[in-house]
C-alpha atoms as a PDB file:
ATOM      1  CA  UNK A   1      26.013  51.076 -40.173  1.00  0.00           C
ATOM      2  CA  UNK A   2      25.184  48.164 -37.857  1.00  0.00           C
ATOM      3  CA  UNK A   3      22.363  45.817 -38.828  1.00  0.00           C
ATOM      4  CA  UNK A   4      20.559  42.643 -37.819  1.00  0.00           C
ATOM      5  CA  UNK A   5      18.877  40.380 -40.340  1.00  0.00           C
ATOM      6  CA  UNK A   6      15.855  38.195 -39.591  1.00  0.00           C
ATOM      7  CA  UNK A   7      13.338  36.170 -41.582  1.00  0.00           C
ATOM      8  CA  UNK A   8       9.717  35.236 -41.015  1.00  0.00           C
ATOM      9  CA  UNK A   9       8.386  32.539 -43.366  1.00  0.00           C
ATOM     10  CA  UNK A  10      10.967  33.498 -45.968  1.00  0.00           C
ATOM     11  CA  UNK A  11      10.126  37.202 -45.720  1.00  0.00           C
ATOM     12  CA  UNK A  12      13.471  38.735 -44.687  1.00  0.00           C
ATOM     13  CA  UNK A  13      14.064  42.163 -43.158  1.00  0.00           C
ATOM     14  CA  UNK A  14      17.072  44.160 -42.023  1.00  0.00           C
ATOM     15  CA  UNK A  15      16.723  45.929 -38.674  1.00  0.00           C
ATOM     16  CA  UNK A  16      18.723  49.136 -38.201  1.00  0.00           C
ATOM     17  CA  UNK A  17      18.866  51.792 -35.499  1.00  0.00           C
ATOM     18  CA  UNK A  18      16.975  55.101 -35.800  1.00  0.00           C
ATOM     19  CA  UNK A  19      20.175  57.148 -36.061  1.00  0.00           C
ATOM     20  CA  UNK A  20      21.153  55.483 -39.347  1.00  0.00           C
ATOM     21  CA  UNK A  21      21.078  57.972 -42.259  1.00  0.00           C
ATOM     22  CA  UNK A  22      18.847  56.606 -45.018  1.00  0.00           C
ATOM     23  CA  UNK A  23      17.899  57.852 -48.463  1.00  0.00           C
ATOM     24  CA  UNK A  24      15.833  56.137 -51.148  1.00  0.00           C
ATOM     25  CA  UNK A  25      19.029  55.229 -53.031  1.00  0.00           C
ATOM     26  CA  UNK A  26      20.654  53.799 -49.902  1.00  0.00           C
ATOM     27  CA  UNK A  27      17.583  51.717 -49.080  1.00  0.00           C
ATOM     28  CA  UNK A  28      17.568  50.306 -52.602  1.00  0.00           C
ATOM     29  CA  UNK A  29      21.284  49.464 -52.426  1.00  0.00           C
ATOM     30  CA  UNK A  30      21.064  47.819 -48.976  1.00  0.00           C
ATOM     31  CA  UNK A  31      18.061  45.696 -50.025  1.00  0.00           C
ATOM     32  CA  UNK A  32      19.611  44.675 -53.357  1.00  0.00           C
ATOM     33  CA  UNK A  33      20.381  40.946 -53.482  1.00  0.00           C
ATOM     34  CA  UNK A  34      23.148  41.637 -55.993  1.00  0.00           C
ATOM     35  CA  UNK A  35      24.776  44.858 -54.758  1.00  0.00           C
ATOM     36  CA  UNK A  36      23.852  44.921 -51.057  1.00  0.00           C
ATOM     37  CA  UNK A  37      22.850  42.677 -48.172  1.00  0.00           C
ATOM     38  CA  UNK A  38      19.583  41.643 -49.773  1.00  0.00           C
ATOM     39  CA  UNK A  39      16.183  41.817 -48.101  1.00  0.00           C
ATOM     40  CA  UNK A  40      12.463  42.366 -48.551  1.00  0.00           C
ATOM     41  CA  UNK A  41      12.720  45.618 -46.609  1.00  0.00           C
ATOM     42  CA  UNK A  42      14.216  47.602 -43.749  1.00  0.00           C
ATOM     43  CA  UNK A  43      12.846  48.049 -40.232  1.00  0.00           C
ATOM     44  CA  UNK A  44      14.016  51.221 -38.496  1.00  0.00           C
ATOM     45  CA  UNK A  45      13.577  51.153 -34.731  1.00  0.00           C
ATOM     46  CA  UNK A  46      12.936  51.239 -31.948  1.00  0.00           C
ATOM     47  CA  UNK A  47      11.757  54.849 -32.184  1.00  0.00           C
ATOM     48  CA  UNK A  48      10.243  56.881 -29.373  1.00  0.00           C
ATOM     49  CA  UNK A  49       6.456  56.810 -29.242  1.00  0.00           C
ATOM     50  CA  UNK A  50       3.916  58.982 -27.431  1.00  0.00           C
ATOM     51  CA  UNK A  51       1.087  56.453 -27.215  1.00  0.00           C
ATOM     52  CA  UNK A  52       2.927  53.117 -27.432  1.00  0.00           C
ATOM     53  CA  UNK A  53       5.947  51.394 -25.940  1.00  0.00           C
ATOM     54  CA  UNK A  54       7.890  51.658 -29.213  1.00  0.00           C
ATOM     55  CA  UNK A  55       7.487  53.056 -32.719  1.00  0.00           C
ATOM     56  CA  UNK A  56       8.672  51.560 -36.004  1.00  0.00           C
ATOM     57  CA  UNK A  57       9.210  52.680 -39.598  1.00  0.00           C
ATOM     58  CA  UNK A  58       9.085  50.141 -42.429  1.00  0.00           C
ATOM     59  CA  UNK A  59      10.757  50.662 -45.806  1.00  0.00           C
ATOM     60  CA  UNK A  60      10.188  48.666 -48.998  1.00  0.00           C
ATOM     61  CA  UNK A  61      13.097  47.620 -51.253  1.00  0.00           C
ATOM     62  CA  UNK A  62      12.169  50.337 -53.763  1.00  0.00           C
ATOM     63  CA  UNK A  63      12.701  52.988 -51.078  1.00  0.00           C
ATOM     64  CA  UNK A  64       9.042  53.702 -50.403  1.00  0.00           C
ATOM     65  CA  UNK A  65       7.606  53.499 -46.889  1.00  0.00           C
ATOM     66  CA  UNK A  66       5.063  50.862 -45.859  1.00  0.00           C
ATOM     67  CA  UNK A  67       2.312  51.519 -43.330  1.00  0.00           C
ATOM     68  CA  UNK A  68       2.345  48.087 -41.697  1.00  0.00           C
ATOM     69  CA  UNK A  69       3.873  44.611 -42.055  1.00  0.00           C
ATOM     70  CA  UNK A  70       2.795  41.529 -40.131  1.00  0.00           C
ATOM     71  CA  UNK A  71       6.020  39.630 -40.753  1.00  0.00           C
ATOM     72  CA  UNK A  72       8.049  42.776 -40.147  1.00  0.00           C
ATOM     73  CA  UNK A  73       6.333  43.312 -36.801  1.00  0.00           C
ATOM     74  CA  UNK A  74       7.036  39.740 -35.706  1.00  0.00           C
ATOM     75  CA  UNK A  75      10.663  40.229 -36.691  1.00  0.00           C
ATOM     76  CA  UNK A  76      10.831  43.518 -34.795  1.00  0.00           C
ATOM     77  CA  UNK A  77       9.301  41.858 -31.729  1.00  0.00           C
ATOM     78  CA  UNK A  78      11.842  39.036 -31.907  1.00  0.00           C
ATOM     79  CA  UNK A  79      14.649  41.608 -32.320  1.00  0.00           C
ATOM     80  CA  UNK A  80      13.527  43.443 -29.177  1.00  0.00           C
ATOM     81  CA  UNK A  81      13.270  40.138 -27.304  1.00  0.00           C
ATOM     82  CA  UNK A  82      16.778  39.110 -28.422  1.00  0.00           C
ATOM     83  CA  UNK A  83      18.097  42.435 -27.152  1.00  0.00           C
ATOM     84  CA  UNK A  84      16.427  41.919 -23.770  1.00  0.00           C
ATOM     85  CA  UNK A  85      14.307  45.033 -24.266  1.00  0.00           C
ATOM     86  CA  UNK A  86      11.045  43.071 -23.859  1.00  0.00           C
ATOM     87  CA  UNK A  87      10.135  39.869 -22.041  1.00  0.00           C
ATOM     88  CA  UNK A  88       7.162  37.556 -22.546  1.00  0.00           C
ATOM     89  CA  UNK A  89       4.549  40.197 -21.675  1.00  0.00           C
ATOM     90  CA  UNK A  90       2.476  42.084 -24.308  1.00  0.00           C
ATOM     91  CA  UNK A  91       3.864  45.403 -25.572  1.00  0.00           C
ATOM     92  CA  UNK A  92       2.676  47.978 -28.097  1.00  0.00           C
ATOM     93  CA  UNK A  93       4.298  49.174 -31.322  1.00  0.00           C
ATOM     94  CA  UNK A  94       3.126  52.245 -33.211  1.00  0.00           C
ATOM     95  CA  UNK A  95       3.334  52.122 -37.016  1.00  0.00           C
ATOM     96  CA  UNK A  96       2.176  54.540 -39.737  1.00  0.00           C
ATOM     97  CA  UNK A  97      -0.682  52.068 -40.306  1.00  0.00           C
ATOM     98  CA  UNK A  98      -1.783  52.125 -36.678  1.00  0.00           C
ATOM     99  CA  UNK A  99      -0.733  50.562 -33.359  1.00  0.00           C
ATOM    100  CA  UNK A 100      -0.342  46.823 -32.797  1.00  0.00           C
ATOM    101  CA  UNK A 101       0.131  44.642 -29.724  1.00  0.00           C
ATOM    102  CA  UNK A 102       2.931  42.050 -29.792  1.00  0.00           C
ATOM    103  CA  UNK A 103       3.866  39.212 -27.478  1.00  0.00           C
ATOM    104  CA  UNK A 104       6.831  36.865 -27.726  1.00  0.00           C
ATOM    105  CA  UNK A 105       6.507  33.310 -26.446  1.00  0.00           C
ATOM    106  CA  UNK A 106       8.126  29.862 -26.506  1.00  0.00           C
ATOM    107  CA  UNK A 107      11.632  31.269 -25.910  1.00  0.00           C
ATOM    108  CA  UNK A 108      11.359  33.606 -28.888  1.00  0.00           C
ATOM    109  CA  UNK A 109      10.129  31.009 -31.362  1.00  0.00           C
ATOM    110  CA  UNK A 110       6.494  32.167 -31.606  1.00  0.00           C
ATOM    111  CA  UNK A 111       5.208  35.746 -31.825  1.00  0.00           C
ATOM    112  CA  UNK A 112       1.596  36.856 -31.559  1.00  0.00           C
ATOM    113  CA  UNK A 113       0.574  40.195 -33.058  1.00  0.00           C
ATOM    114  CA  UNK A 114      -2.798  41.909 -32.710  1.00  0.00           C
ATOM    115  CA  UNK A 115      -2.832  43.693 -36.061  1.00  0.00           C
ATOM    116  CA  UNK A 116      -5.933  45.844 -35.663  1.00  0.00           C
ATOM    117  CA  UNK A 117      -9.212  45.877 -37.543  1.00  0.00           C
ATOM    118  CA  UNK A 118      -9.675  44.974 -41.200  1.00  0.00           C
ATOM    119  CA  UNK A 119     -12.038  47.217 -43.181  1.00  0.00           C
ATOM    120  CA  UNK A 120     -13.569  46.550 -46.572  1.00  0.00           C
ATOM    121  CA  UNK A 121     -14.964  49.967 -47.535  1.00  0.00           C
ATOM    122  CA  UNK A 122     -13.568  51.684 -50.596  1.00  0.00           C
ATOM    123  CA  UNK A 123     -12.868  54.996 -48.850  1.00  0.00           C
ATOM    124  CA  UNK A 124     -10.656  53.388 -46.198  1.00  0.00           C
ATOM    125  CA  UNK A 125      -8.704  51.130 -48.608  1.00  0.00           C
ATOM    126  CA  UNK A 126      -8.639  53.540 -50.631  1.00  0.00           C
ATOM    127  CA  UNK A 127     -10.180  52.502 -53.968  1.00  0.00           C
ATOM    128  CA  UNK A 128     -11.833  54.788 -56.478  1.00  0.00           C
ATOM    129  CA  UNK A 129     -15.521  54.640 -57.359  1.00  0.00           C
ATOM    130  CA  UNK A 130     -18.739  54.977 -55.407  1.00  0.00           C
ATOM    131  CA  UNK A 131     -18.490  54.409 -51.619  1.00  0.00           C
ATOM    132  CA  UNK A 132     -19.054  50.685 -51.032  1.00  0.00           C
ATOM    133  CA  UNK A 133     -17.750  47.494 -49.551  1.00  0.00           C
ATOM    134  CA  UNK A 134     -15.386  46.082 -52.162  1.00  0.00           C
ATOM    135  CA  UNK A 135     -16.443  42.425 -52.245  1.00  0.00           C
ATOM    136  CA  UNK A 136     -16.426  40.077 -55.257  1.00  0.00           C
ATOM    137  CA  UNK A 137     -16.211  42.826 -57.864  1.00  0.00           C
ATOM    138  CA  UNK A 138     -15.213  42.163 -61.468  1.00  0.00           C
ATOM    139  CA  UNK A 139     -11.884  43.651 -62.554  1.00  0.00           C
ATOM    140  CA  UNK A 140     -10.380  43.461 -66.033  1.00  0.00           C
ATOM    141  CA  UNK A 141      -6.595  43.123 -65.943  1.00  0.00           C
ATOM    142  CA  UNK A 142      -5.158  43.052 -69.424  1.00  0.00           C
ATOM    143  CA  UNK A 143      -7.332  40.551 -71.276  1.00  0.00           C
ATOM    144  CA  UNK A 144      -8.295  38.623 -68.133  1.00  0.00           C
ATOM    145  CA  UNK A 145     -11.307  39.227 -65.903  1.00  0.00           C
ATOM    146  CA  UNK A 146     -10.962  38.501 -62.178  1.00  0.00           C
ATOM    147  CA  UNK A 147     -13.261  38.583 -59.175  1.00  0.00           C
ATOM    148  CA  UNK A 148     -11.591  40.770 -56.536  1.00  0.00           C
ATOM    149  CA  UNK A 149     -12.230  42.035 -53.026  1.00  0.00           C
ATOM    150  CA  UNK A 150     -10.569  44.972 -51.284  1.00  0.00           C
ATOM    151  CA  UNK A 151      -9.419  45.396 -47.694  1.00  0.00           C
ATOM    152  CA  UNK A 152      -7.206  47.507 -45.477  1.00  0.00           C
ATOM    153  CA  UNK A 153      -5.525  46.795 -42.170  1.00  0.00           C
ATOM    154  CA  UNK A 154      -3.672  50.099 -42.259  1.00  0.00           C
ATOM    155  CA  UNK A 155      -2.301  49.317 -45.722  1.00  0.00           C
ATOM    156  CA  UNK A 156      -4.221  48.524 -48.943  1.00  0.00           C
ATOM    157  CA  UNK A 157      -4.912  45.016 -50.264  1.00  0.00           C
ATOM    158  CA  UNK A 158      -6.592  43.582 -53.356  1.00  0.00           C
ATOM    159  CA  UNK A 159      -7.602  39.940 -52.952  1.00  0.00           C
ATOM    160  CA  UNK A 160      -7.985  38.078 -56.243  1.00  0.00           C
ATOM    161  CA  UNK A 161     -10.294  35.055 -56.004  1.00  0.00           C
ATOM    162  CA  UNK A 162      -8.913  32.094 -57.936  1.00  0.00           C
ATOM    163  CA  UNK A 163      -9.077  28.322 -57.827  1.00  0.00           C
ATOM    164  CA  UNK A 164      -5.349  27.798 -58.314  1.00  0.00           C
ATOM    165  CA  UNK A 165      -2.922  30.524 -57.224  1.00  0.00           C
ATOM    166  CA  UNK A 166       0.554  30.097 -58.697  1.00  0.00           C
ATOM    167  CA  UNK A 167       3.781  32.127 -58.652  1.00  0.00           C
ATOM    168  CA  UNK A 168       3.392  32.645 -62.386  1.00  0.00           C
ATOM    169  CA  UNK A 169      -0.044  34.236 -61.993  1.00  0.00           C
ATOM    170  CA  UNK A 170       1.224  36.464 -59.174  1.00  0.00           C
ATOM    171  CA  UNK A 171       4.239  37.606 -61.177  1.00  0.00           C
ATOM    172  CA  UNK A 172       2.200  38.220 -64.329  1.00  0.00           C
ATOM    173  CA  UNK A 173      -0.825  40.058 -62.967  1.00  0.00           C
ATOM    174  CA  UNK A 174       0.467  41.362 -59.633  1.00  0.00           C
ATOM    175  CA  UNK A 175       2.389  44.346 -61.071  1.00  0.00           C
ATOM    176  CA  UNK A 176      -0.596  45.429 -63.166  1.00  0.00           C
ATOM    177  CA  UNK A 177      -3.021  45.287 -60.241  1.00  0.00           C
ATOM    178  CA  UNK A 178      -0.527  46.939 -57.848  1.00  0.00           C
ATOM    179  CA  UNK A 179      -0.348  50.044 -60.029  1.00  0.00           C
ATOM    180  CA  UNK A 180      -3.942  50.026 -61.319  1.00  0.00           C
ATOM    181  CA  UNK A 181      -5.359  53.556 -61.300  1.00  0.00           C
ATOM    182  CA  UNK A 182      -8.296  52.405 -59.178  1.00  0.00           C
ATOM    183  CA  UNK A 183      -5.845  52.226 -56.258  1.00  0.00           C
ATOM    184  CA  UNK A 184      -4.514  55.778 -55.733  1.00  0.00           C
ATOM    185  CA  UNK A 185      -1.906  54.583 -53.196  1.00  0.00           C
ATOM    186  CA  UNK A 186      -1.211  51.388 -55.172  1.00  0.00           C
ATOM    187  CA  UNK A 187      -1.961  48.084 -53.465  1.00  0.00           C
ATOM    188  CA  UNK A 188      -0.672  44.760 -52.217  1.00  0.00           C
ATOM    189  CA  UNK A 189      -2.118  41.858 -54.201  1.00  0.00           C
ATOM    190  CA  UNK A 190      -3.088  38.393 -52.948  1.00  0.00           C
ATOM    191  CA  UNK A 191      -4.173  35.556 -55.217  1.00  0.00           C
ATOM    192  CA  UNK A 192      -6.356  33.447 -52.928  1.00  0.00           C
ATOM    193  CA  UNK A 193      -7.881  29.981 -53.057  1.00  0.00           C
ATOM    194  CA  UNK A 194     -10.150  28.739 -50.264  1.00  0.00           C
ATOM    195  CA  UNK A 195      -9.102  25.140 -49.617  1.00  0.00           C
ATOM    196  CA  UNK A 196     -11.668  24.357 -46.901  1.00  0.00           C
ATOM    197  CA  UNK A 197     -13.501  26.216 -44.072  1.00  0.00           C
ATOM    198  CA  UNK A 198     -10.276  26.510 -42.039  1.00  0.00           C
ATOM    199  CA  UNK A 199      -7.562  26.936 -44.694  1.00  0.00           C
ATOM    200  CA  UNK A 200      -6.745  29.364 -47.490  1.00  0.00           C
ATOM    201  CA  UNK A 201      -3.793  29.416 -49.864  1.00  0.00           C
ATOM    202  CA  UNK A 202      -2.050  32.570 -51.113  1.00  0.00           C
ATOM    203  CA  UNK A 203       0.422  33.739 -53.710  1.00  0.00           C
ATOM    204  CA  UNK A 204       1.482  37.333 -53.061  1.00  0.00           C
ATOM    205  CA  UNK A 205       2.673  40.347 -55.011  1.00  0.00           C
ATOM    206  CA  UNK A 206       3.730  42.960 -52.477  1.00  0.00           C
ATOM    207  CA  UNK A 207       3.520  46.679 -53.146  1.00  0.00           C
ATOM    208  CA  UNK A 208       7.012  48.123 -53.456  1.00  0.00           C
ATOM    209  CA  UNK A 209       8.677  44.709 -53.098  1.00  0.00           C
ATOM    210  CA  UNK A 210       7.328  42.388 -55.795  1.00  0.00           C
ATOM    211  CA  UNK A 211       6.785  38.651 -55.541  1.00  0.00           C
ATOM    212  CA  UNK A 212       7.255  37.483 -51.972  1.00  0.00           C
ATOM    213  CA  UNK A 213       7.093  34.151 -50.169  1.00  0.00           C
ATOM    214  CA  UNK A 214       4.901  35.392 -47.325  1.00  0.00           C
ATOM    215  CA  UNK A 215       3.226  38.494 -45.914  1.00  0.00           C
ATOM    216  CA  UNK A 216       1.545  38.889 -42.556  1.00  0.00           C
ATOM    217  CA  UNK A 217      -0.708  41.792 -43.484  1.00  0.00           C
ATOM    218  CA  UNK A 218      -1.649  39.962 -46.708  1.00  0.00           C
ATOM    219  CA  UNK A 219      -2.564  36.874 -44.673  1.00  0.00           C
ATOM    220  CA  UNK A 220      -4.680  39.016 -42.336  1.00  0.00           C
ATOM    221  CA  UNK A 221      -6.512  40.822 -45.153  1.00  0.00           C
ATOM    222  CA  UNK A 222      -7.185  37.697 -47.221  1.00  0.00           C
ATOM    223  CA  UNK A 223      -8.351  35.686 -44.207  1.00  0.00           C
ATOM    224  CA  UNK A 224     -10.706  38.500 -43.175  1.00  0.00           C
ATOM    225  CA  UNK A 225     -12.179  38.648 -46.683  1.00  0.00           C
ATOM    226  CA  UNK A 226     -12.741  34.888 -46.753  1.00  0.00           C
ATOM    227  CA  UNK A 227     -14.496  35.110 -43.374  1.00  0.00           C
ATOM    228  CA  UNK A 228     -16.544  38.158 -44.410  1.00  0.00           C
ATOM    229  CA  UNK A 229     -17.798  36.252 -47.464  1.00  0.00           C
ATOM    230  CA  UNK A 230     -18.722  33.215 -45.347  1.00  0.00           C
ATOM    231  CA  UNK A 231     -16.165  31.002 -47.079  1.00  0.00           C
ATOM    232  CA  UNK A 232     -14.298  30.160 -43.865  1.00  0.00           C
ATOM    233  CA  UNK A 233     -14.709  30.406 -40.136  1.00  0.00           C
ATOM    234  CA  UNK A 234     -12.909  32.929 -37.897  1.00  0.00           C
ATOM    235  CA  UNK A 235      -9.873  30.700 -37.196  1.00  0.00           C
ATOM    236  CA  UNK A 236      -7.865  30.210 -40.374  1.00  0.00           C
ATOM    237  CA  UNK A 237      -4.539  28.698 -41.400  1.00  0.00           C
ATOM    238  CA  UNK A 238      -2.988  30.700 -44.238  1.00  0.00           C
ATOM    239  CA  UNK A 239      -0.667  28.674 -46.458  1.00  0.00           C
ATOM    240  CA  UNK A 240       1.994  30.617 -48.357  1.00  0.00           C
ATOM    241  CA  UNK A 241       5.139  29.457 -50.185  1.00  0.00           C
ATOM    242  CA  UNK A 242       7.224  30.487 -47.157  1.00  0.00           C
ATOM    243  CA  UNK A 243       5.083  28.645 -44.610  1.00  0.00           C
ATOM    244  CA  UNK A 244       1.920  28.920 -42.548  1.00  0.00           C
ATOM    245  CA  UNK A 245       0.397  31.618 -40.351  1.00  0.00           C
ATOM    246  CA  UNK A 246      -2.445  31.228 -37.895  1.00  0.00           C
ATOM    247  CA  UNK A 247      -5.093  33.962 -38.189  1.00  0.00           C
ATOM    248  CA  UNK A 248      -7.874  34.584 -35.679  1.00  0.00           C
ATOM    249  CA  UNK A 249     -10.657  37.043 -36.485  1.00  0.00           C
ATOM    250  CA  UNK A 250     -12.985  38.633 -33.939  1.00  0.00           C
ATOM    251  CA  UNK A 251     -16.579  39.766 -34.504  1.00  0.00           C
ATOM    252  CA  UNK A 252     -15.492  43.305 -35.409  1.00  0.00           C
ATOM    253  CA  UNK A 253     -12.860  41.892 -37.809  1.00  0.00           C
ATOM    254  CA  UNK A 254      -9.892  42.654 -35.581  1.00  0.00           C
ATOM    255  CA  UNK A 255      -7.161  40.202 -36.542  1.00  0.00           C
ATOM    256  CA  UNK A 256      -4.459  38.372 -34.578  1.00  0.00           C
ATOM    257  CA  UNK A 257      -1.522  36.643 -36.288  1.00  0.00           C
ATOM    258  CA  UNK A 258       0.577  33.900 -34.717  1.00  0.00           C
ATOM    259  CA  UNK A 259       3.777  32.643 -36.307  1.00  0.00           C
ATOM    260  CA  UNK A 260       7.572  32.414 -36.139  1.00  0.00           C
ATOM    261  CA  UNK A 261      10.491  34.763 -36.718  1.00  0.00           C
ATOM    262  CA  UNK A 262      14.132  33.692 -36.852  1.00  0.00           C
ATOM    263  CA  UNK A 263      17.442  35.475 -36.462  1.00  0.00           C
ATOM    264  CA  UNK A 264      19.851  35.124 -39.395  1.00  0.00           C
ATOM    265  CA  UNK A 265      22.868  37.303 -38.630  1.00  0.00           C
ATOM    266  CA  UNK A 266      24.259  40.554 -37.262  1.00  0.00           C
ATOM    267  CA  UNK A 267      26.889  42.701 -38.923  1.00  0.00           C
ATOM    268  CA  UNK A 268      27.866  46.077 -40.335  1.00  0.00           C
ATOM    269  CA  UNK A 269      27.476  47.653 -43.746  1.00  0.00           C
ATOM    270  CA  UNK A 270      30.685  48.925 -45.305  1.00  0.00           C
ATOM    271  CA  UNK A 271      30.331  52.458 -46.751  1.00  0.00           C
ATOM    272  CA  UNK A 272      31.900  51.158 -49.955  1.00  0.00           C
ATOM    273  CA  UNK A 273      28.576  49.667 -51.083  1.00  0.00           C
ATOM    274  CA  UNK A 274      27.202  53.203 -51.536  1.00  0.00           C
ATOM    275  CA  UNK A 275      29.892  54.188 -54.038  1.00  0.00           C
ATOM    276  CA  UNK A 276      29.739  53.601 -57.759  1.00  0.00           C
END
């Protein structure tokens, strides 16, 4: 089983070919930082696509499948560029969460991804309750009451408004919000502070992965919420523990991410890791 490993702002993924046999148990073992290679997920591709240049499947460390990943897509774009499959022209990638447009620049060091449109309505997210835009709602989590907003960019997000996001808060409340019954497909969770009209800060609990240093789709969703609420403008720097992403939001709330992706290593997985 050949693999390539990349990271984008501390969010690391393993890229494998489509002919690699995967099961939930194998995904969990490969992603394990103690018993496998260790990663925040697996990217399987490139796959054939009817309405795009390539298709991609994204797997979380728990073996579940993700609809979309901003960091994963930048990594996949860099992987294709390293292989000489794409040049510096835009190309399309189909994901279960919808198509995106990618472009690699600056000799592979910067990747731009048009992630699609962010929506805030409860039916699209999805989130239970009356049909509505989910903006600044009260949510009781344990004994704590938060103000939250909901969004989707092909995958679900719950943005928690706070003055001081910390890893401890994300680790404590993230798992409870991720699996809250109001989110029938579970949800990614972002603890967001608006620093000024051009900057927000995030701590992230990722659905199916746990605490993570960065997330592209989380950055897109949180930035769109801050813009929708009038807390920032349409051009936003998102600060995360793993680094910064540039987010640009159009009038219809379509979002473009710009940031890096780096190659770590290539290798092969020995079948022995799947025994015992």
